[in-house]
Amino acid sequence: MPDSPPASAPIGPSLTDFASFYLYGLTNQPYQQSADLGKFGELYQQVIGAHGGLGIASSFHPYQLVNQAGITVWYAAYAQLYSQPNRLELFAEMTVEKASFVVEPPASFAEFHVWPDTRLTTDENPIFGRFVPFVIPFLVRKDPELLRWDAEFVAAEGNQARINAYLETVNAAIKFVQPAPAFVLGFGEFDEQQPELLIEKFLSCRNMLL
């Protein structure tokens, strides 16, 4: 499917109807795929919950999230949705039924593209050669309700045992695509205007790895 922008004057869902979220952690092999789309759907439900959207069937190094043309993996997922002749029906299912679907990323995202922010390179931070950052992206239909990740943490406020139990569940849910020694650090929203915020999430954990 194409990873280029849809034609102008779109008829159907707009990219502004979606938000770009991600699960992030550390591993020894960041770029992993699985043919088990059902497991990707289960992971979507564990992290995103009852919100329409798209799971993306791969994990990535952060420097694979934006290709050489400057297109993000989230935009590529949106372009795949838009390319479907039944996109209006799919979008309606996302909106009304909170349905989620899984798309496979274009092969162009296998290539590494170091952004202007080079702080995850091993030249600048050798520790990220041993503990390698990975990201699992989700393109989510905007909704005022909390995502499951946020709702779980709100409900568990002050209850570390409950937080740990939820994190264990999420760690178990990624094993089909990110097996041990991979582990989850957290969750965030990708901002194309401030992509360095994703880099800073990993840097905030750097000292605990040394």
N, C-alpha and C. Protein backbone atom coordinates (compact mmCIF):
# COMPACT_ATOMS: atom_id res chain seq x y z
N MET A 1 0.84 -1.19 0.00
CA MET A 1 0.00 0.00 0.00
C MET A 1 0.88 1.25 0.00
N PRO A 2 0.38 2.37 -0.47
CA PRO A 2 1.23 3.55 -0.60
C PRO A 2 1.59 4.16 0.74
N ASP A 3 2.78 4.79 0.80
CA ASP A 3 3.14 5.54 1.99
C ASP A 3 3.31 7.01 1.66
N SER A 4 2.73 7.42 0.53
CA SER A 4 2.75 8.82 0.13
C SER A 4 1.44 9.46 0.52
N PRO A 5 1.42 10.82 0.58
CA PRO A 5 0.20 11.50 1.00
C PRO A 5 -0.98 11.19 0.09
N PRO A 6 -2.20 11.11 0.63
CA PRO A 6 -3.38 10.94 -0.21
C PRO A 6 -3.57 12.14 -1.12
N ALA A 7 -4.40 11.98 -2.13
CA ALA A 7 -4.68 13.07 -3.05
C ALA A 7 -5.32 14.23 -2.30
N SER A 8 -5.21 15.42 -2.89
CA SER A 8 -5.78 16.59 -2.25
C SER A 8 -7.31 16.49 -2.26
N ALA A 9 -7.95 17.36 -1.46
CA ALA A 9 -9.41 17.40 -1.34
C ALA A 9 -9.97 16.02 -1.01
N PRO A 10 -9.53 15.43 0.11
CA PRO A 10 -9.98 14.08 0.42
C PRO A 10 -11.46 14.02 0.75
N ILE A 11 -12.07 12.90 0.41
CA ILE A 11 -13.45 12.64 0.79
C ILE A 11 -13.38 11.49 1.78
N GLY A 12 -13.56 11.80 3.04
CA GLY A 12 -13.43 10.75 4.03
C GLY A 12 -12.67 11.25 5.24
N PRO A 13 -12.15 10.35 6.06
CA PRO A 13 -11.47 10.77 7.28
C PRO A 13 -10.24 11.62 6.98
N SER A 14 -10.03 12.60 7.84
CA SER A 14 -8.85 13.46 7.75
C SER A 14 -7.83 13.00 8.77
N LEU A 15 -6.56 13.29 8.51
CA LEU A 15 -5.52 12.96 9.47
C LEU A 15 -5.77 13.66 10.80
N THR A 16 -6.42 14.81 10.76
CA THR A 16 -6.70 15.54 12.01
C THR A 16 -7.75 14.83 12.87
N ASP A 17 -8.39 13.79 12.32
CA ASP A 17 -9.32 13.00 13.12
C ASP A 17 -8.60 11.99 14.01
N PHE A 18 -7.27 11.89 13.85
CA PHE A 18 -6.50 10.88 14.55
C PHE A 18 -5.39 11.50 15.38
N ALA A 19 -4.91 10.73 16.34
CA ALA A 19 -3.74 11.10 17.13
C ALA A 19 -2.73 9.96 17.05
N SER A 20 -1.46 10.31 17.17
CA SER A 20 -0.37 9.33 17.01
C SER A 20 0.20 8.97 18.37
N PHE A 21 -0.06 7.74 18.81
CA PHE A 21 0.43 7.28 20.10
C PHE A 21 1.47 6.19 19.91
N TYR A 22 2.17 5.88 20.98
CA TYR A 22 3.18 4.82 20.91
C TYR A 22 3.45 4.24 22.29
N LEU A 23 3.81 2.98 22.26
CA LEU A 23 4.36 2.27 23.41
C LEU A 23 5.86 2.26 23.20
N TYR A 24 6.65 2.48 24.26
CA TYR A 24 8.10 2.48 24.05
C TYR A 24 8.80 1.68 25.13
N GLY A 25 9.96 1.16 24.76
CA GLY A 25 10.73 0.36 25.70
C GLY A 25 12.12 0.09 25.18
N LEU A 26 12.78 -0.90 25.76
CA LEU A 26 14.16 -1.25 25.41
C LEU A 26 14.23 -2.72 25.04
N THR A 27 15.12 -3.06 24.12
CA THR A 27 15.22 -4.40 23.60
C THR A 27 16.64 -4.63 23.07
N ASN A 28 16.85 -5.77 22.43
CA ASN A 28 18.13 -5.99 21.74
C ASN A 28 17.94 -5.99 20.22
N GLN A 29 16.69 -5.96 19.76
CA GLN A 29 16.39 -5.95 18.33
C GLN A 29 15.10 -5.16 18.11
N PRO A 30 15.21 -3.88 17.76
CA PRO A 30 14.01 -3.03 17.75
C PRO A 30 13.06 -3.28 16.59
N TYR A 31 13.59 -3.70 15.43
CA TYR A 31 12.73 -3.83 14.25
C TYR A 31 12.27 -5.28 14.13
N GLN A 32 11.04 -5.54 14.58
CA GLN A 32 10.50 -6.89 14.60
C GLN A 32 9.09 -6.88 14.02
N GLN A 33 8.77 -7.95 13.29
CA GLN A 33 7.42 -8.08 12.74
C GLN A 33 6.83 -9.43 13.17
N SER A 34 5.52 -9.51 13.07
CA SER A 34 4.80 -10.76 13.33
C SER A 34 3.63 -10.82 12.37
N ALA A 35 3.35 -12.02 11.88
CA ALA A 35 2.19 -12.21 11.01
C ALA A 35 0.91 -12.39 11.81
N ASP A 36 1.02 -12.41 13.12
CA ASP A 36 -0.15 -12.65 13.98
C ASP A 36 -0.87 -11.32 14.22
N LEU A 37 -1.73 -10.97 13.28
CA LEU A 37 -2.46 -9.70 13.39
C LEU A 37 -3.44 -9.71 14.55
N GLY A 38 -3.90 -10.89 14.93
CA GLY A 38 -4.77 -10.99 16.08
C GLY A 38 -4.08 -10.55 17.36
N LYS A 39 -2.80 -10.91 17.50
CA LYS A 39 -2.03 -10.51 18.68
C LYS A 39 -1.81 -9.00 18.68
N PHE A 40 -1.61 -8.41 17.49
CA PHE A 40 -1.49 -6.95 17.43
C PHE A 40 -2.80 -6.30 17.88
N GLY A 41 -3.92 -6.92 17.48
CA GLY A 41 -5.22 -6.40 17.92
C GLY A 41 -5.39 -6.49 19.42
N GLU A 42 -4.93 -7.59 20.02
CA GLU A 42 -5.00 -7.74 21.47
C GLU A 42 -4.13 -6.71 22.17
N LEU A 43 -2.94 -6.46 21.62
CA LEU A 43 -2.06 -5.44 22.20
C LEU A 43 -2.72 -4.07 22.12
N TYR A 44 -3.37 -3.77 21.00
CA TYR A 44 -4.08 -2.50 20.84
C TYR A 44 -5.12 -2.35 21.96
N GLN A 45 -5.86 -3.41 22.23
CA GLN A 45 -6.88 -3.34 23.28
C GLN A 45 -6.26 -3.16 24.66
N GLN A 46 -5.13 -3.80 24.92
CA GLN A 46 -4.46 -3.66 26.22
C GLN A 46 -3.95 -2.25 26.46
N VAL A 47 -3.49 -1.59 25.41
CA VAL A 47 -2.86 -0.28 25.55
C VAL A 47 -3.84 0.86 25.26
N ILE A 48 -4.60 0.74 24.17
CA ILE A 48 -5.49 1.81 23.73
C ILE A 48 -6.90 1.62 24.27
N GLY A 49 -7.39 0.39 24.26
CA GLY A 49 -8.73 0.12 24.77
C GLY A 49 -9.82 0.37 23.76
N ALA A 50 -10.98 0.78 24.22
CA ALA A 50 -12.18 0.93 23.38
C ALA A 50 -12.16 2.26 22.63
N HIS A 51 -11.22 2.36 21.72
CA HIS A 51 -11.07 3.54 20.86
C HIS A 51 -10.80 3.05 19.45
N GLY A 52 -11.51 3.59 18.47
CA GLY A 52 -11.26 3.19 17.09
C GLY A 52 -9.88 3.62 16.63
N GLY A 53 -9.32 2.85 15.70
CA GLY A 53 -8.02 3.24 15.19
C GLY A 53 -7.32 2.10 14.48
N LEU A 54 -6.02 2.29 14.31
CA LEU A 54 -5.18 1.35 13.58
C LEU A 54 -3.99 0.94 14.42
N GLY A 55 -3.81 -0.37 14.56
CA GLY A 55 -2.55 -0.88 15.06
C GLY A 55 -1.60 -1.04 13.88
N ILE A 56 -0.33 -0.90 14.10
CA ILE A 56 0.68 -1.00 13.03
C ILE A 56 1.54 -2.22 13.32
N ALA A 57 1.57 -3.16 12.39
CA ALA A 57 2.10 -4.49 12.65
C ALA A 57 3.63 -4.57 12.60
N SER A 58 4.25 -3.82 13.49
CA SER A 58 5.71 -3.88 13.59
C SER A 58 6.14 -3.10 14.81
N SER A 59 7.33 -3.40 15.28
CA SER A 59 8.01 -2.50 16.22
C SER A 59 9.15 -1.85 15.46
N PHE A 60 9.61 -0.71 15.96
CA PHE A 60 10.59 0.09 15.23
C PHE A 60 11.61 0.69 16.19
N HIS A 61 12.80 0.96 15.67
CA HIS A 61 13.70 1.88 16.34
C HIS A 61 13.14 3.29 16.11
N PRO A 62 13.29 4.21 17.06
CA PRO A 62 12.78 5.57 16.82
C PRO A 62 13.26 6.20 15.52
N TYR A 63 14.46 5.83 15.07
CA TYR A 63 14.97 6.41 13.83
C TYR A 63 14.41 5.73 12.58
N GLN A 64 13.46 4.83 12.76
CA GLN A 64 12.72 4.25 11.63
C GLN A 64 11.32 4.83 11.52
N LEU A 65 10.92 5.66 12.45
CA LEU A 65 9.55 6.16 12.47
C LEU A 65 9.28 7.24 11.44
N VAL A 66 10.34 7.86 10.94
CA VAL A 66 10.22 8.89 9.91
C VAL A 66 11.12 8.47 8.75
N ASN A 67 10.56 8.31 7.56
CA ASN A 67 11.39 7.84 6.45
C ASN A 67 12.14 8.99 5.77
N GLN A 68 12.90 8.64 4.74
CA GLN A 68 13.74 9.65 4.08
C GLN A 68 12.92 10.78 3.46
N ALA A 69 11.66 10.52 3.16
CA ALA A 69 10.79 11.55 2.57
C ALA A 69 10.14 12.42 3.63
N GLY A 70 10.42 12.14 4.91
CA GLY A 70 9.84 12.92 6.00
C GLY A 70 8.44 12.47 6.39
N ILE A 71 8.01 11.30 5.91
CA ILE A 71 6.69 10.77 6.22
C ILE A 71 6.80 9.87 7.45
N THR A 72 5.90 10.06 8.40
CA THR A 72 5.93 9.23 9.61
C THR A 72 5.19 7.92 9.36
N VAL A 73 5.49 6.93 10.19
CA VAL A 73 4.82 5.65 10.08
C VAL A 73 3.33 5.80 10.39
N TRP A 74 2.96 6.78 11.21
CA TRP A 74 1.54 7.03 11.49
C TRP A 74 0.83 7.58 10.25
N TYR A 75 1.51 8.49 9.53
CA TYR A 75 0.91 9.03 8.31
C TYR A 75 0.76 7.93 7.27
N ALA A 76 1.75 7.03 7.21
CA ALA A 76 1.67 5.91 6.27
C ALA A 76 0.47 5.03 6.58
N ALA A 77 0.19 4.83 7.88
CA ALA A 77 -0.98 4.04 8.27
C ALA A 77 -2.26 4.74 7.83
N TYR A 78 -2.30 6.05 8.03
CA TYR A 78 -3.47 6.82 7.59
C TYR A 78 -3.64 6.72 6.08
N ALA A 79 -2.54 6.81 5.34
CA ALA A 79 -2.61 6.72 3.88
C ALA A 79 -3.15 5.36 3.44
N GLN A 80 -2.78 4.31 4.18
CA GLN A 80 -3.31 2.99 3.86
C GLN A 80 -4.82 2.92 4.09
N LEU A 81 -5.26 3.51 5.18
CA LEU A 81 -6.71 3.58 5.43
C LEU A 81 -7.39 4.35 4.31
N TYR A 82 -6.82 5.49 3.95
CA TYR A 82 -7.45 6.35 2.94
C TYR A 82 -7.49 5.68 1.57
N SER A 83 -6.54 4.78 1.31
CA SER A 83 -6.48 4.13 0.00
C SER A 83 -7.55 3.06 -0.18
N GLN A 84 -8.22 2.68 0.90
CA GLN A 84 -9.24 1.64 0.81
C GLN A 84 -10.53 2.20 0.21
N PRO A 85 -11.11 1.50 -0.74
CA PRO A 85 -12.36 2.01 -1.35
C PRO A 85 -13.51 2.10 -0.35
N ASN A 86 -13.46 1.31 0.71
CA ASN A 86 -14.51 1.36 1.74
C ASN A 86 -14.07 2.16 2.96
N ARG A 87 -13.22 3.17 2.76
CA ARG A 87 -12.66 3.92 3.89
C ARG A 87 -13.74 4.60 4.73
N LEU A 88 -14.82 5.05 4.08
CA LEU A 88 -15.89 5.72 4.85
C LEU A 88 -16.56 4.74 5.79
N GLU A 89 -16.76 3.52 5.34
CA GLU A 89 -17.36 2.51 6.20
C GLU A 89 -16.41 2.14 7.34
N LEU A 90 -15.12 2.00 7.02
CA LEU A 90 -14.14 1.67 8.06
C LEU A 90 -14.08 2.78 9.11
N PHE A 91 -14.09 4.02 8.64
CA PHE A 91 -14.02 5.14 9.57
C PHE A 91 -15.27 5.21 10.44
N ALA A 92 -16.42 4.89 9.84
CA ALA A 92 -17.66 4.87 10.61
C ALA A 92 -17.59 3.80 11.70
N GLU A 93 -17.01 2.65 11.38
CA GLU A 93 -16.86 1.60 12.39
C GLU A 93 -15.93 2.05 13.51
N MET A 94 -14.87 2.76 13.15
CA MET A 94 -13.96 3.29 14.17
C MET A 94 -14.68 4.28 15.09
N THR A 95 -15.57 5.07 14.51
CA THR A 95 -16.23 6.14 15.25
C THR A 95 -17.38 5.62 16.10
N VAL A 96 -18.23 4.80 15.51
CA VAL A 96 -19.46 4.36 16.18
C VAL A 96 -19.22 3.11 17.01
N GLU A 97 -18.53 2.13 16.42
CA GLU A 97 -18.34 0.85 17.10
C GLU A 97 -16.99 0.76 17.82
N LYS A 98 -16.18 1.81 17.71
CA LYS A 98 -14.84 1.83 18.32
C LYS A 98 -13.98 0.69 17.78
N ALA A 99 -14.18 0.35 16.52
CA ALA A 99 -13.46 -0.77 15.92
C ALA A 99 -11.99 -0.39 15.68
N SER A 100 -11.12 -1.39 15.79
CA SER A 100 -9.71 -1.19 15.47
C SER A 100 -9.30 -2.20 14.42
N PHE A 101 -8.34 -1.80 13.59
CA PHE A 101 -7.83 -2.63 12.52
C PHE A 101 -6.31 -2.62 12.59
N VAL A 102 -5.69 -3.53 11.86
CA VAL A 102 -4.23 -3.62 11.86
C VAL A 102 -3.74 -3.48 10.43
N VAL A 103 -2.72 -2.65 10.22
CA VAL A 103 -2.11 -2.48 8.91
C VAL A 103 -0.63 -2.82 9.00
N GLU A 104 -0.08 -3.27 7.88
CA GLU A 104 1.34 -3.56 7.81
C GLU A 104 2.07 -2.35 7.25
N PRO A 105 3.20 -1.96 7.84
CA PRO A 105 3.90 -0.77 7.37
C PRO A 105 4.62 -1.02 6.06
N PRO A 106 4.75 -0.01 5.20
CA PRO A 106 5.53 -0.16 3.98
C PRO A 106 6.98 -0.51 4.28
N ALA A 107 7.62 -1.21 3.36
CA ALA A 107 8.99 -1.68 3.55
C ALA A 107 9.98 -0.53 3.70
N SER A 108 9.62 0.65 3.24
CA SER A 108 10.55 1.79 3.33
C SER A 108 10.90 2.13 4.77
N PHE A 109 10.06 1.72 5.72
CA PHE A 109 10.33 2.05 7.12
C PHE A 109 11.31 1.08 7.77
N ALA A 110 11.83 0.13 7.00
CA ALA A 110 12.90 -0.73 7.51
C ALA A 110 14.22 0.04 7.58
N GLU A 111 14.33 1.11 6.80
CA GLU A 111 15.57 1.87 6.74
C GLU A 111 15.67 2.83 7.93
N PHE A 112 16.89 2.99 8.42
CA PHE A 112 17.14 3.95 9.50
C PHE A 112 17.35 5.33 8.90
N HIS A 113 16.75 6.32 9.55
CA HIS A 113 16.91 7.71 9.13
C HIS A 113 17.12 8.53 10.40
N VAL A 114 18.36 8.88 10.67
CA VAL A 114 18.68 9.63 11.89
C VAL A 114 18.18 11.05 11.73
N TRP A 115 17.29 11.45 12.63
CA TRP A 115 16.74 12.80 12.57
C TRP A 115 17.84 13.81 12.91
N PRO A 116 17.54 15.09 12.82
CA PRO A 116 18.51 16.08 13.33
C PRO A 116 18.86 15.85 14.79
N ASP A 117 17.95 15.23 15.57
CA ASP A 117 18.24 14.89 16.96
C ASP A 117 18.96 13.55 16.99
N THR A 118 20.25 13.56 17.25
CA THR A 118 21.09 12.37 17.15
C THR A 118 21.38 11.72 18.50
N ARG A 119 20.64 12.07 19.54
CA ARG A 119 21.01 11.65 20.89
C ARG A 119 20.80 10.16 21.16
N LEU A 120 20.11 9.46 20.27
CA LEU A 120 19.98 8.01 20.46
C LEU A 120 21.03 7.22 19.70
N THR A 121 21.93 7.90 18.99
CA THR A 121 23.00 7.19 18.31
C THR A 121 24.02 6.68 19.33
N THR A 122 24.66 5.59 19.00
CA THR A 122 25.64 5.02 19.94
C THR A 122 26.89 5.89 20.03
N ASP A 123 27.14 6.72 19.03
CA ASP A 123 28.26 7.67 19.14
C ASP A 123 28.05 8.64 20.29
N GLU A 124 26.80 9.10 20.44
CA GLU A 124 26.51 10.06 21.50
C GLU A 124 26.20 9.38 22.83
N ASN A 125 25.51 8.25 22.77
CA ASN A 125 25.12 7.53 23.98
C ASN A 125 25.32 6.03 23.75
N PRO A 126 26.53 5.54 24.01
CA PRO A 126 26.82 4.12 23.74
C PRO A 126 25.88 3.16 24.45
N ILE A 127 25.26 3.57 25.55
CA ILE A 127 24.39 2.68 26.30
C ILE A 127 23.22 2.20 25.45
N PHE A 128 22.82 3.00 24.43
CA PHE A 128 21.69 2.62 23.59
C PHE A 128 22.09 1.61 22.51
N GLY A 129 23.35 1.18 22.53
CA GLY A 129 23.74 0.04 21.72
C GLY A 129 23.52 -1.26 22.47
N ARG A 130 23.51 -1.19 23.79
CA ARG A 130 23.25 -2.36 24.63
C ARG A 130 21.77 -2.48 24.97
N PHE A 131 21.18 -1.36 25.35
CA PHE A 131 19.74 -1.29 25.59
C PHE A 131 19.14 -0.47 24.45
N VAL A 132 18.61 -1.16 23.46
CA VAL A 132 18.22 -0.49 22.22
C VAL A 132 16.76 -0.03 22.30
N PRO A 133 16.48 1.24 22.03
CA PRO A 133 15.11 1.73 22.07
C PRO A 133 14.21 1.07 21.02
N PHE A 134 12.97 0.81 21.39
CA PHE A 134 11.98 0.38 20.41
C PHE A 134 10.67 1.11 20.68
N VAL A 135 9.85 1.18 19.64
CA VAL A 135 8.54 1.84 19.69
C VAL A 135 7.53 0.97 18.95
N ILE A 136 6.34 0.85 19.50
CA ILE A 136 5.21 0.23 18.80
C ILE A 136 4.14 1.31 18.63
N PRO A 137 3.86 1.72 17.39
CA PRO A 137 2.94 2.85 17.16
C PRO A 137 1.48 2.45 17.02
N PHE A 138 0.60 3.41 17.33
CA PHE A 138 -0.85 3.24 17.19
C PHE A 138 -1.42 4.55 16.64
N LEU A 139 -2.26 4.45 15.64
CA LEU A 139 -2.97 5.63 15.11
C LEU A 139 -4.41 5.55 15.61
N VAL A 140 -4.81 6.51 16.45
CA VAL A 140 -6.06 6.37 17.21
C VAL A 140 -7.04 7.48 16.85
N ARG A 141 -8.27 7.08 16.62
CA ARG A 141 -9.36 8.04 16.39
C ARG A 141 -9.51 8.91 17.64
N LYS A 142 -9.49 10.23 17.46
CA LYS A 142 -9.59 11.13 18.60
C LYS A 142 -10.92 10.94 19.32
N ASP A 143 -10.85 10.94 20.66
CA ASP A 143 -12.00 10.64 21.49
C ASP A 143 -11.75 11.29 22.85
N PRO A 144 -12.76 11.90 23.47
CA PRO A 144 -12.53 12.55 24.77
C PRO A 144 -12.28 11.57 25.90
N GLU A 145 -12.65 10.30 25.72
CA GLU A 145 -12.45 9.33 26.79
C GLU A 145 -10.97 8.96 26.93
N LEU A 146 -10.56 8.63 28.15
CA LEU A 146 -9.18 8.25 28.40
C LEU A 146 -8.83 6.97 27.65
N LEU A 147 -7.60 6.92 27.15
CA LEU A 147 -7.09 5.66 26.62
C LEU A 147 -6.91 4.68 27.77
N ARG A 148 -6.88 3.40 27.46
CA ARG A 148 -6.81 2.41 28.54
C ARG A 148 -5.56 2.62 29.39
N TRP A 149 -4.41 2.91 28.74
CA TRP A 149 -3.17 3.12 29.49
C TRP A 149 -3.37 4.19 30.56
N ASP A 150 -3.90 5.33 30.14
CA ASP A 150 -4.11 6.43 31.07
C ASP A 150 -5.15 6.06 32.14
N ALA A 151 -6.23 5.42 31.72
CA ALA A 151 -7.28 5.05 32.66
C ALA A 151 -6.76 4.09 33.72
N GLU A 152 -5.91 3.15 33.33
CA GLU A 152 -5.34 2.20 34.28
C GLU A 152 -4.48 2.92 35.32
N PHE A 153 -3.70 3.89 34.88
CA PHE A 153 -2.83 4.61 35.81
C PHE A 153 -3.63 5.53 36.73
N VAL A 154 -4.69 6.12 36.20
CA VAL A 154 -5.56 6.95 37.04
C VAL A 154 -6.23 6.09 38.10
N ALA A 155 -6.76 4.95 37.70
CA ALA A 155 -7.45 4.06 38.63
C ALA A 155 -6.50 3.49 39.68
N ALA A 156 -5.22 3.35 39.31
CA ALA A 156 -4.24 2.73 40.22
C ALA A 156 -3.44 3.75 41.01
N GLU A 157 -3.84 5.00 40.96
CA GLU A 157 -3.07 6.05 41.65
C GLU A 157 -2.84 5.67 43.12
N GLY A 158 -1.57 5.64 43.49
CA GLY A 158 -1.21 5.29 44.85
C GLY A 158 -1.16 3.81 45.13
N ASN A 159 -1.51 3.00 44.13
CA ASN A 159 -1.51 1.54 44.30
C ASN A 159 -0.45 0.95 43.37
N GLN A 160 0.78 0.89 43.85
CA GLN A 160 1.88 0.43 43.01
C GLN A 160 1.70 -1.01 42.57
N ALA A 161 1.09 -1.83 43.41
CA ALA A 161 0.88 -3.24 43.04
C ALA A 161 -0.02 -3.34 41.81
N ARG A 162 -1.05 -2.49 41.76
CA ARG A 162 -1.95 -2.52 40.60
C ARG A 162 -1.23 -2.02 39.35
N ILE A 163 -0.42 -0.97 39.49
CA ILE A 163 0.35 -0.47 38.35
C ILE A 163 1.29 -1.55 37.84
N ASN A 164 1.98 -2.22 38.77
CA ASN A 164 2.92 -3.27 38.37
C ASN A 164 2.19 -4.41 37.65
N ALA A 165 1.00 -4.75 38.14
CA ALA A 165 0.23 -5.82 37.51
C ALA A 165 -0.16 -5.45 36.08
N TYR A 166 -0.56 -4.19 35.88
CA TYR A 166 -0.91 -3.76 34.52
C TYR A 166 0.32 -3.77 33.62
N LEU A 167 1.44 -3.29 34.11
CA LEU A 167 2.67 -3.29 33.31
C LEU A 167 3.09 -4.72 32.95
N GLU A 168 2.92 -5.64 33.87
CA GLU A 168 3.23 -7.04 33.58
C GLU A 168 2.33 -7.57 32.46
N THR A 169 1.06 -7.16 32.49
CA THR A 169 0.13 -7.58 31.44
C THR A 169 0.56 -7.05 30.08
N VAL A 170 0.97 -5.77 30.03
CA VAL A 170 1.41 -5.18 28.77
C VAL A 170 2.71 -5.82 28.31
N ASN A 171 3.64 -6.06 29.24
CA ASN A 171 4.89 -6.72 28.87
C ASN A 171 4.63 -8.11 28.29
N ALA A 172 3.67 -8.82 28.87
CA ALA A 172 3.33 -10.14 28.33
C ALA A 172 2.71 -10.01 26.94
N ALA A 173 1.94 -8.94 26.73
CA ALA A 173 1.24 -8.76 25.45
C ALA A 173 2.16 -8.42 24.30
N ILE A 174 3.37 -7.91 24.57
CA ILE A 174 4.30 -7.56 23.48
C ILE A 174 5.20 -8.72 23.09
N LYS A 175 5.19 -9.82 23.85
CA LYS A 175 6.19 -10.87 23.65
C LYS A 175 6.12 -11.52 22.28
N PHE A 176 4.94 -11.50 21.65
CA PHE A 176 4.83 -12.13 20.34
C PHE A 176 5.65 -11.39 19.28
N VAL A 177 5.89 -10.09 19.50
CA VAL A 177 6.66 -9.30 18.53
C VAL A 177 7.95 -8.76 19.14
N GLN A 178 7.99 -8.59 20.46
CA GLN A 178 9.20 -8.14 21.15
C GLN A 178 9.46 -9.09 22.33
N PRO A 179 10.07 -10.26 22.06
CA PRO A 179 10.32 -11.21 23.14
C PRO A 179 11.42 -10.73 24.08
N ALA A 180 11.55 -11.41 25.20
CA ALA A 180 12.61 -11.09 26.16
C ALA A 180 13.95 -11.06 25.43
N PRO A 181 14.80 -10.09 25.79
CA PRO A 181 14.79 -9.27 27.01
C PRO A 181 14.05 -7.93 26.89
N ALA A 182 13.20 -7.76 25.91
CA ALA A 182 12.49 -6.49 25.75
C ALA A 182 11.59 -6.22 26.95
N PHE A 183 11.47 -4.93 27.30
CA PHE A 183 10.54 -4.54 28.35
C PHE A 183 10.03 -3.13 28.08
N VAL A 184 8.83 -2.87 28.57
CA VAL A 184 8.14 -1.61 28.33
C VAL A 184 8.57 -0.55 29.35
N LEU A 185 8.79 0.66 28.87
CA LEU A 185 9.09 1.80 29.74
C LEU A 185 7.88 2.70 29.94
N GLY A 186 7.08 2.87 28.90
CA GLY A 186 5.96 3.79 29.03
C GLY A 186 5.19 3.96 27.73
N PHE A 187 4.47 5.06 27.67
CA PHE A 187 3.51 5.32 26.60
C PHE A 187 3.52 6.82 26.34
N GLY A 188 3.30 7.23 25.10
CA GLY A 188 3.29 8.66 24.81
C GLY A 188 2.57 8.98 23.52
N GLU A 189 2.47 10.27 23.25
CA GLU A 189 1.87 10.75 22.00
C GLU A 189 2.95 11.42 21.18
N PHE A 190 3.04 11.05 19.92
CA PHE A 190 4.06 11.61 19.03
C PHE A 190 3.59 12.94 18.47
N ASP A 191 4.44 13.95 18.61
CA ASP A 191 4.15 15.28 18.11
C ASP A 191 5.12 15.58 16.97
N GLU A 192 4.61 15.67 15.74
CA GLU A 192 5.47 15.92 14.59
C GLU A 192 6.20 17.26 14.70
N GLN A 193 5.61 18.20 15.44
CA GLN A 193 6.26 19.50 15.60
C GLN A 193 7.37 19.45 16.65
N GLN A 194 7.32 18.45 17.52
CA GLN A 194 8.34 18.29 18.56
C GLN A 194 8.75 16.82 18.67
N PRO A 195 9.33 16.25 17.62
CA PRO A 195 9.69 14.83 17.66
C PRO A 195 10.74 14.51 18.71
N GLU A 196 11.49 15.53 19.12
CA GLU A 196 12.53 15.30 20.14
C GLU A 196 11.94 14.87 21.48
N LEU A 197 10.65 15.11 21.70
CA LEU A 197 10.04 14.68 22.96
C LEU A 197 10.09 13.17 23.12
N LEU A 198 9.99 12.45 22.00
CA LEU A 198 10.11 11.00 22.06
C LEU A 198 11.53 10.61 22.46
N ILE A 199 12.52 11.27 21.88
CA ILE A 199 13.93 10.99 22.22
C ILE A 199 14.16 11.23 23.71
N GLU A 200 13.56 12.29 24.23
CA GLU A 200 13.78 12.64 25.64
C GLU A 200 13.20 11.61 26.59
N LYS A 201 12.17 10.88 26.16
CA LYS A 201 11.64 9.82 27.02
C LYS A 201 12.70 8.75 27.27
N PHE A 202 13.47 8.42 26.26
CA PHE A 202 14.53 7.44 26.44
C PHE A 202 15.69 8.03 27.24
N LEU A 203 16.02 9.28 26.97
CA LEU A 203 17.12 9.90 27.70
C LEU A 203 16.83 10.02 29.17
N SER A 204 15.55 10.17 29.53
CA SER A 204 15.19 10.29 30.94
C SER A 204 15.47 9.00 31.70
N CYS A 205 15.60 7.88 30.95
CA CYS A 205 15.89 6.58 31.59
C CYS A 205 17.37 6.22 31.50
N ARG A 206 18.15 7.06 30.85
CA ARG A 206 19.54 6.71 30.57
C ARG A 206 20.34 6.40 31.82
N ASN A 207 20.22 7.23 32.83
CA ASN A 207 21.05 7.07 34.02
C ASN A 207 20.80 5.75 34.76
N MET A 208 19.56 5.28 34.69
CA MET A 208 19.27 4.01 35.38
C MET A 208 19.88 2.82 34.66
N LEU A 209 20.31 3.02 33.41
CA LEU A 209 20.89 1.92 32.64
C LEU A 209 22.40 1.83 32.79
N LEU A 210 23.02 2.90 33.27
CA LEU A 210 24.49 2.96 33.36
C LEU A 210 25.01 2.10 34.50
